[in-house]
């Protein structure tokens, strides 16, 4: 018979040459333990094969060292989510904490259930990237729970210190104005998923830019999209079939712009000689697309960095202030050329 000995925290302490209390502090993420001591403890844990009882530890300390992230699965299949998840996981790890992902699924009730799931797991803090919960519901959720909650990509009026958001409307206004200044007066636009606050803000920025430059808004130049390359391709096919003239096309995200490029190429329209194309988000692929895609860079990494910093400050009992909106910036590449009205 093989007898397996259970490795305890005391065994780790003896191996590291520290006290059991020190091992406990290291496992709890106490930042006041020196780096040298932390390294000794982690080395001893690796050598002994010690596995802490996470549930017991969380019950004893009332801290799990876990941060929950809620994202609806409609965002999973795309490069934007990959960037969001990578940045969140990396920065969470830098704070010595574990990231737990929960699926917001297909409706507001599912997003609420995901929040309850993370609360049941005793997450110390929660990040919500909402798709279905409206602003009023999010404000109420923050009021109802004591743990720190941060909402990404949604502006909150009652709890401004609990949100991180980007100025999508202003960024789109600036991008469309850039196209107009390059000589494009007939600009088509592929919007995002109906019901999305981000899509609504970007469409509003498009309309605002046309109005500011005394250009007419034409319903037939606005096509619905769903954030996917397929939807961008379909919208562009519909635009081409309508016969409506356009010299530039802006898509509400890079995925749809890439789909639009395929439809334009299939129709014999060259980029940027015949049609200038612009996206939004600046996904990694945009730089390597042919031609490289002009787009609006959204500072995802910076937004997540500030989200985590706000949460950690709240966990440590520090006062936090509302963050200003994060502004994107135009990335000029080769998919936009001067339009027919340049210089007129």
Protein backbone atom coordinates (compact mmCIF):
# COMPACT_ATOMS: atom_id res chain seq x y z
CA UNK A 1 0.00 0.00 0.00
CA UNK A 2 1.28 3.45 -0.96
CA UNK A 3 0.80 6.12 1.67
CA UNK A 4 0.60 9.67 0.34
CA UNK A 5 1.66 12.26 2.88
CA UNK A 6 -0.28 15.52 2.87
CA UNK A 7 1.99 18.52 2.49
CA UNK A 8 1.01 21.29 4.88
CA UNK A 9 1.72 24.99 5.18
CA UNK A 10 4.08 24.16 8.04
CA UNK A 11 6.14 21.96 5.71
CA UNK A 12 6.44 24.89 3.30
CA UNK A 13 7.46 27.21 6.12
CA UNK A 14 10.22 24.83 7.25
CA UNK A 15 11.48 24.41 3.69
CA UNK A 16 11.58 28.18 3.13
CA UNK A 17 13.03 28.92 6.56
CA UNK A 18 10.20 31.25 7.51
CA UNK A 19 7.25 31.14 9.86
CA UNK A 20 3.90 29.60 9.02
CA UNK A 21 2.35 33.06 9.39
CA UNK A 22 4.72 34.40 6.73
CA UNK A 23 3.66 31.67 4.30
CA UNK A 24 0.04 32.57 5.00
CA UNK A 25 0.72 36.24 4.31
CA UNK A 26 2.43 35.42 1.01
CA UNK A 27 -0.49 33.24 -0.10
CA UNK A 28 -2.91 36.00 0.86
CA UNK A 29 -1.09 38.40 -1.45
CA UNK A 30 0.24 40.65 1.32
CA UNK A 31 2.33 43.25 -0.46
CA UNK A 32 4.37 44.07 2.65
CA UNK A 33 6.27 40.77 2.53
CA UNK A 34 9.66 41.32 0.87
CA UNK A 35 10.25 40.07 -2.65
CA UNK A 36 13.10 37.87 -1.40
CA UNK A 37 10.85 36.19 1.15
CA UNK A 38 8.09 35.75 -1.40
CA UNK A 39 10.51 34.04 -3.76
CA UNK A 40 11.67 31.68 -0.99
CA UNK A 41 8.08 30.74 -0.20
CA UNK A 42 7.10 30.21 -3.83
CA UNK A 43 10.21 28.08 -4.40
CA UNK A 44 9.36 25.98 -1.33
CA UNK A 45 5.78 25.56 -2.58
CA UNK A 46 7.08 24.33 -5.93
CA UNK A 47 9.59 21.92 -4.37
CA UNK A 48 7.16 20.45 -1.86
CA UNK A 49 4.19 20.30 -4.20
CA UNK A 50 2.00 22.10 -1.66
CA UNK A 51 -1.55 22.89 -2.78
CA UNK A 52 -3.40 25.34 -0.53
CA UNK A 53 -7.02 24.75 0.33
CA UNK A 54 -8.42 27.77 -1.45
CA UNK A 55 -11.91 27.49 -0.03
CA UNK A 56 -10.65 27.22 3.53
CA UNK A 57 -8.32 30.13 2.99
CA UNK A 58 -11.06 32.33 1.55
CA UNK A 59 -13.38 31.47 4.45
CA UNK A 60 -10.68 32.29 6.99
CA UNK A 61 -9.43 35.50 5.41
CA UNK A 62 -12.65 36.59 3.67
CA UNK A 63 -10.43 37.09 0.61
CA UNK A 64 -10.07 34.76 -2.37
CA UNK A 65 -7.48 36.79 -4.32
CA UNK A 66 -9.78 36.25 -7.33
CA UNK A 67 -11.15 38.94 -9.63
CA UNK A 68 -14.15 38.07 -11.78
CA UNK A 69 -14.74 39.22 -15.34
CA UNK A 70 -18.15 39.03 -17.03
CA UNK A 71 -18.34 39.17 -20.84
CA UNK A 72 -21.18 37.90 -23.00
CA UNK A 73 -20.12 35.10 -25.32
CA UNK A 74 -21.10 37.07 -28.42
CA UNK A 75 -17.77 38.87 -27.99
CA UNK A 76 -15.70 35.71 -27.53
CA UNK A 77 -15.21 34.99 -31.23
CA UNK A 78 -13.08 37.92 -32.30
CA UNK A 79 -9.73 39.68 -31.89
CA UNK A 80 -11.15 42.50 -29.76
CA UNK A 81 -12.10 40.06 -27.01
CA UNK A 82 -8.71 38.38 -27.27
CA UNK A 83 -7.03 41.71 -26.56
CA UNK A 84 -9.45 42.48 -23.73
CA UNK A 85 -8.94 39.09 -22.07
CA UNK A 86 -5.17 39.10 -22.56
CA UNK A 87 -4.77 42.53 -20.98
CA UNK A 88 -7.10 41.71 -18.09
CA UNK A 89 -5.44 38.37 -17.33
CA UNK A 90 -1.93 39.83 -17.55
CA UNK A 91 -2.63 42.81 -15.33
CA UNK A 92 -4.61 40.72 -12.82
CA UNK A 93 -1.63 38.39 -12.55
CA UNK A 94 0.67 41.39 -12.01
CA UNK A 95 -1.40 42.21 -8.93
CA UNK A 96 -0.90 38.66 -7.65
CA UNK A 97 -4.51 37.69 -8.28
CA UNK A 98 -6.37 35.11 -10.37
CA UNK A 99 -8.86 36.02 -13.09
CA UNK A 100 -12.13 34.09 -13.30
CA UNK A 101 -14.19 34.48 -16.49
CA UNK A 102 -17.98 34.19 -16.43
CA UNK A 103 -20.20 34.14 -19.52
CA UNK A 104 -22.93 36.78 -19.69
CA UNK A 105 -24.64 34.65 -22.36
CA UNK A 106 -27.72 35.98 -24.15
CA UNK A 107 -29.76 38.34 -21.97
CA UNK A 108 -29.77 40.64 -18.94
CA UNK A 109 -30.89 37.80 -16.64
CA UNK A 110 -27.89 35.77 -17.78
CA UNK A 111 -25.57 38.65 -16.97
CA UNK A 112 -27.15 38.91 -13.51
CA UNK A 113 -26.69 35.16 -13.04
CA UNK A 114 -23.02 35.49 -13.99
CA UNK A 115 -22.59 38.18 -11.33
CA UNK A 116 -24.19 35.92 -8.72
CA UNK A 117 -21.93 33.06 -9.83
CA UNK A 118 -18.82 35.17 -9.22
CA UNK A 119 -20.19 36.34 -5.88
CA UNK A 120 -20.77 32.72 -4.87
CA UNK A 121 -17.13 32.02 -5.73
CA UNK A 122 -16.23 34.79 -3.27
CA UNK A 123 -14.45 36.93 -5.84
CA UNK A 124 -12.91 39.96 -4.18
CA UNK A 125 -13.94 42.26 -7.03
CA UNK A 126 -15.83 42.05 -10.32
CA UNK A 127 -15.36 43.62 -13.74
CA UNK A 128 -18.45 43.79 -15.94
CA UNK A 129 -18.26 44.30 -19.70
CA UNK A 130 -22.03 44.58 -20.21
CA UNK A 131 -23.98 43.74 -23.31
CA UNK A 132 -27.58 43.50 -22.04
CA UNK A 133 -27.76 45.19 -18.63
CA UNK A 134 -28.69 48.84 -19.01
CA UNK A 135 -27.15 51.72 -17.09
CA UNK A 136 -29.90 51.83 -14.44
CA UNK A 137 -29.47 48.12 -13.72
CA UNK A 138 -25.70 48.46 -13.44
CA UNK A 139 -26.05 51.42 -11.07
CA UNK A 140 -28.42 49.35 -8.90
CA UNK A 141 -26.06 46.36 -8.84
CA UNK A 142 -23.24 48.55 -7.57
CA UNK A 143 -25.54 49.89 -4.84
CA UNK A 144 -26.60 46.38 -3.80
CA UNK A 145 -23.15 44.86 -3.28
CA UNK A 146 -20.28 45.77 -0.99
CA UNK A 147 -17.46 44.35 -3.10
CA UNK A 148 -15.77 46.62 -5.65
CA UNK A 149 -17.35 46.52 -9.10
CA UNK A 150 -16.04 48.21 -12.23
CA UNK A 151 -18.04 48.56 -15.45
CA UNK A 152 -16.06 48.73 -18.70
CA UNK A 153 -17.24 50.57 -21.81
CA UNK A 154 -20.30 52.15 -20.24
CA UNK A 155 -20.64 55.60 -18.67
CA UNK A 156 -22.34 55.69 -15.26
CA UNK A 157 -23.76 58.96 -13.96
CA UNK A 158 -24.44 57.93 -10.34
CA UNK A 159 -21.22 55.97 -9.83
CA UNK A 160 -18.67 57.60 -12.16
CA UNK A 161 -15.75 56.18 -10.16
CA UNK A 162 -16.98 52.65 -10.97
CA UNK A 163 -16.73 52.91 -14.76
CA UNK A 164 -14.14 53.09 -17.50
CA UNK A 165 -15.37 54.25 -20.88
CA UNK A 166 -14.15 55.56 -24.21
CA UNK A 167 -15.34 58.62 -26.10
CA UNK A 168 -16.70 56.64 -29.07
CA UNK A 169 -18.87 59.44 -30.45
CA UNK A 170 -16.10 62.04 -30.44
CA UNK A 171 -13.59 59.58 -31.88
CA UNK A 172 -15.96 58.72 -34.74
CA UNK A 173 -16.68 62.41 -35.33
CA UNK A 174 -12.93 63.02 -35.66
CA UNK A 175 -12.44 60.02 -37.97
CA UNK A 176 -15.28 60.98 -40.33
CA UNK A 177 -14.06 64.59 -40.30
CA UNK A 178 -10.66 63.28 -41.39
CA UNK A 179 -12.28 61.53 -44.37
CA UNK A 180 -14.14 64.72 -45.27
CA UNK A 181 -10.94 66.76 -45.07
CA UNK A 182 -9.32 64.21 -47.42
CA UNK A 183 -11.99 65.07 -49.99
CA UNK A 184 -14.69 62.47 -49.33
CA UNK A 185 -18.23 63.87 -49.23
CA UNK A 186 -20.12 60.65 -49.97
CA UNK A 187 -19.21 58.42 -47.02
CA UNK A 188 -21.01 55.17 -46.32
CA UNK A 189 -21.16 53.74 -42.81
CA UNK A 190 -21.61 50.21 -41.43
CA UNK A 191 -23.09 50.40 -37.95
CA UNK A 192 -22.65 47.94 -35.11
CA UNK A 193 -25.10 45.54 -33.52
CA UNK A 194 -28.54 47.13 -32.89
CA UNK A 195 -29.04 47.89 -29.21
CA UNK A 196 -25.33 48.31 -28.54
CA UNK A 197 -24.48 51.62 -26.81
CA UNK A 198 -21.10 51.57 -28.55
CA UNK A 199 -22.78 51.19 -31.94
CA UNK A 200 -25.21 54.00 -31.14
CA UNK A 201 -22.41 56.34 -30.08
CA UNK A 202 -20.34 55.66 -33.19
CA UNK A 203 -23.31 56.19 -35.48
CA UNK A 204 -24.08 59.44 -33.67
CA UNK A 205 -20.50 60.58 -34.26
CA UNK A 206 -20.87 59.85 -37.97
CA UNK A 207 -24.06 61.90 -38.23
CA UNK A 208 -22.56 64.70 -36.15
CA UNK A 209 -19.55 64.98 -38.47
CA UNK A 210 -21.72 65.22 -41.58
CA UNK A 211 -23.82 67.94 -39.96
CA UNK A 212 -20.74 69.86 -38.81
CA UNK A 213 -19.41 69.90 -42.38
CA UNK A 214 -22.79 70.79 -43.92
CA UNK A 215 -23.10 67.43 -45.69
CA UNK A 216 -26.46 65.67 -45.99
CA UNK A 217 -27.19 62.49 -44.07
CA UNK A 218 -28.52 59.73 -46.35
CA UNK A 219 -30.22 56.70 -44.82
CA UNK A 220 -29.25 54.57 -47.81
CA UNK A 221 -25.55 55.03 -47.01
CA UNK A 222 -25.95 53.53 -43.51
CA UNK A 223 -26.00 49.75 -43.34
CA UNK A 224 -26.59 47.56 -40.26
CA UNK A 225 -23.79 45.31 -39.05
CA UNK A 226 -23.18 42.86 -36.22
CA UNK A 227 -19.46 43.39 -35.44
CA UNK A 228 -18.43 40.35 -37.55
CA UNK A 229 -16.55 40.17 -40.88
CA UNK A 230 -19.52 38.34 -42.38
CA UNK A 231 -21.87 41.19 -41.49
CA UNK A 232 -19.46 43.74 -42.96
CA UNK A 233 -19.27 41.75 -46.16
CA UNK A 234 -23.06 41.44 -46.40
CA UNK A 235 -23.63 45.13 -45.68
CA UNK A 236 -21.17 46.13 -48.37
CA UNK A 237 -22.78 43.83 -50.90
CA UNK A 238 -26.11 45.49 -50.12
CA UNK A 239 -24.54 48.93 -50.47
CA UNK A 240 -23.04 48.07 -53.84
CA UNK A 241 -26.30 46.52 -55.07
CA UNK A 242 -28.21 49.70 -54.15
CA UNK A 243 -26.20 51.76 -56.60
CA UNK A 244 -25.75 54.57 -54.07
CA UNK A 245 -22.51 56.45 -54.85
CA UNK A 246 -19.78 56.52 -52.22
CA UNK A 247 -16.05 57.22 -52.32
CA UNK A 248 -15.32 56.16 -48.73
CA UNK A 249 -16.66 53.52 -46.37
CA UNK A 250 -16.26 53.49 -42.61
CA UNK A 251 -17.08 50.40 -40.57
CA UNK A 252 -17.81 50.56 -36.84
CA UNK A 253 -15.08 48.03 -36.15
CA UNK A 254 -12.11 46.50 -37.97
CA UNK A 255 -13.72 43.08 -38.29
CA UNK A 256 -16.53 44.52 -40.40
CA UNK A 257 -14.05 46.64 -42.38
CA UNK A 258 -12.14 43.47 -43.33
CA UNK A 259 -15.40 41.85 -44.47
CA UNK A 260 -16.22 44.99 -46.43
CA UNK A 261 -12.83 44.85 -48.16
CA UNK A 262 -13.58 41.33 -49.41
CA UNK A 263 -16.92 42.45 -50.88
CA UNK A 264 -15.33 45.50 -52.50
CA UNK A 265 -12.56 43.38 -54.03
CA UNK A 266 -15.08 40.87 -55.39
CA UNK A 267 -16.90 43.76 -57.06
CA UNK A 268 -13.69 45.02 -58.68
CA UNK A 269 -13.35 48.06 -56.41
CA UNK A 270 -9.70 48.77 -55.57
CA UNK A 271 -8.50 49.99 -52.16
CA UNK A 272 -7.85 52.87 -51.86
CA UNK A 273 -7.89 53.95 -55.54
CA UNK A 274 -11.65 53.41 -55.98
CA UNK A 275 -12.88 53.34 -52.37
CA UNK A 276 -11.18 54.49 -49.18
CA UNK A 277 -11.81 52.19 -46.24
CA UNK A 278 -11.62 52.90 -42.51
CA UNK A 279 -12.23 50.73 -39.46
CA UNK A 280 -12.38 51.18 -35.71
CA UNK A 281 -10.56 49.53 -32.73
CA UNK A 282 -7.12 48.94 -34.31
CA UNK A 283 -7.02 45.17 -33.88
CA UNK A 284 -3.66 43.49 -34.40
CA UNK A 285 -4.60 42.29 -37.88
CA UNK A 286 -5.32 45.83 -39.11
CA UNK A 287 -1.63 46.63 -39.41
CA UNK A 288 -0.97 43.52 -41.52
CA UNK A 289 -4.01 43.78 -43.78
CA UNK A 290 -3.53 44.60 -47.48
CA UNK A 291 -3.64 47.49 -47.75
CA UNK A 292 -2.87 48.23 -44.07
CA UNK A 293 -6.10 49.50 -42.55
CA UNK A 294 -6.60 53.08 -41.46
CA UNK A 295 -8.51 52.88 -38.20
CA UNK A 296 -9.16 54.40 -34.78
CA UNK A 297 -7.04 52.95 -32.00
CA UNK A 298 -9.04 52.24 -28.84
CA UNK A 299 -6.71 52.13 -25.78
CA UNK A 300 -7.92 48.78 -24.42
CA UNK A 301 -4.73 48.09 -22.46
CA UNK A 302 -4.82 51.50 -20.79
CA UNK A 303 -8.52 51.17 -19.96
CA UNK A 304 -8.01 47.75 -18.33
CA UNK A 305 -4.94 49.01 -16.48
CA UNK A 306 -6.99 51.79 -14.88
CA UNK A 307 -9.89 49.39 -14.23
CA UNK A 308 -7.63 47.09 -12.19
CA UNK A 309 -5.97 50.01 -10.43
CA UNK A 310 -9.39 51.34 -9.37
CA UNK A 311 -10.45 47.91 -8.07
CA UNK A 312 -7.24 47.34 -6.11
CA UNK A 313 -7.49 50.81 -4.59
CA UNK A 314 -11.07 50.07 -3.54
CA UNK A 315 -10.01 46.74 -2.04
CA UNK A 316 -7.38 48.51 0.03
CA UNK A 317 -9.88 51.05 1.30
CA UNK A 318 -8.47 53.98 -0.63
CA UNK A 319 -10.58 56.80 -1.99
CA UNK A 320 -10.95 56.72 -5.77
CA UNK A 321 -11.93 59.46 -8.18
CA UNK A 322 -13.89 59.21 -11.43
CA UNK A 323 -11.74 58.61 -14.48
CA UNK A 324 -12.03 60.85 -17.54
CA UNK A 325 -13.19 59.20 -20.77
CA UNK A 326 -10.44 57.48 -22.72
CA UNK A 327 -9.87 58.92 -26.15
CA UNK A 328 -8.90 56.91 -29.21
CA UNK A 329 -6.51 58.15 -31.83
CA UNK A 330 -6.51 57.97 -35.59
CA UNK A 331 -4.01 55.53 -37.09
CA UNK A 332 -3.28 56.55 -40.68
CA UNK A 333 -2.35 53.67 -42.95
CA UNK A 334 -2.70 52.92 -46.67
CA UNK A 335 -6.43 52.15 -47.02
CA UNK A 336 -7.45 55.82 -47.32
CA UNK A 337 -6.55 58.08 -50.26
CA UNK A 338 -7.64 61.56 -51.23
CA UNK A 339 -11.25 61.77 -52.43
CA UNK A 340 -12.82 63.53 -55.42
CA UNK A 341 -13.47 66.75 -53.52
CA UNK A 342 -9.92 67.21 -52.23
CA UNK A 343 -8.82 70.79 -52.83
CA UNK A 344 -12.23 72.00 -53.97
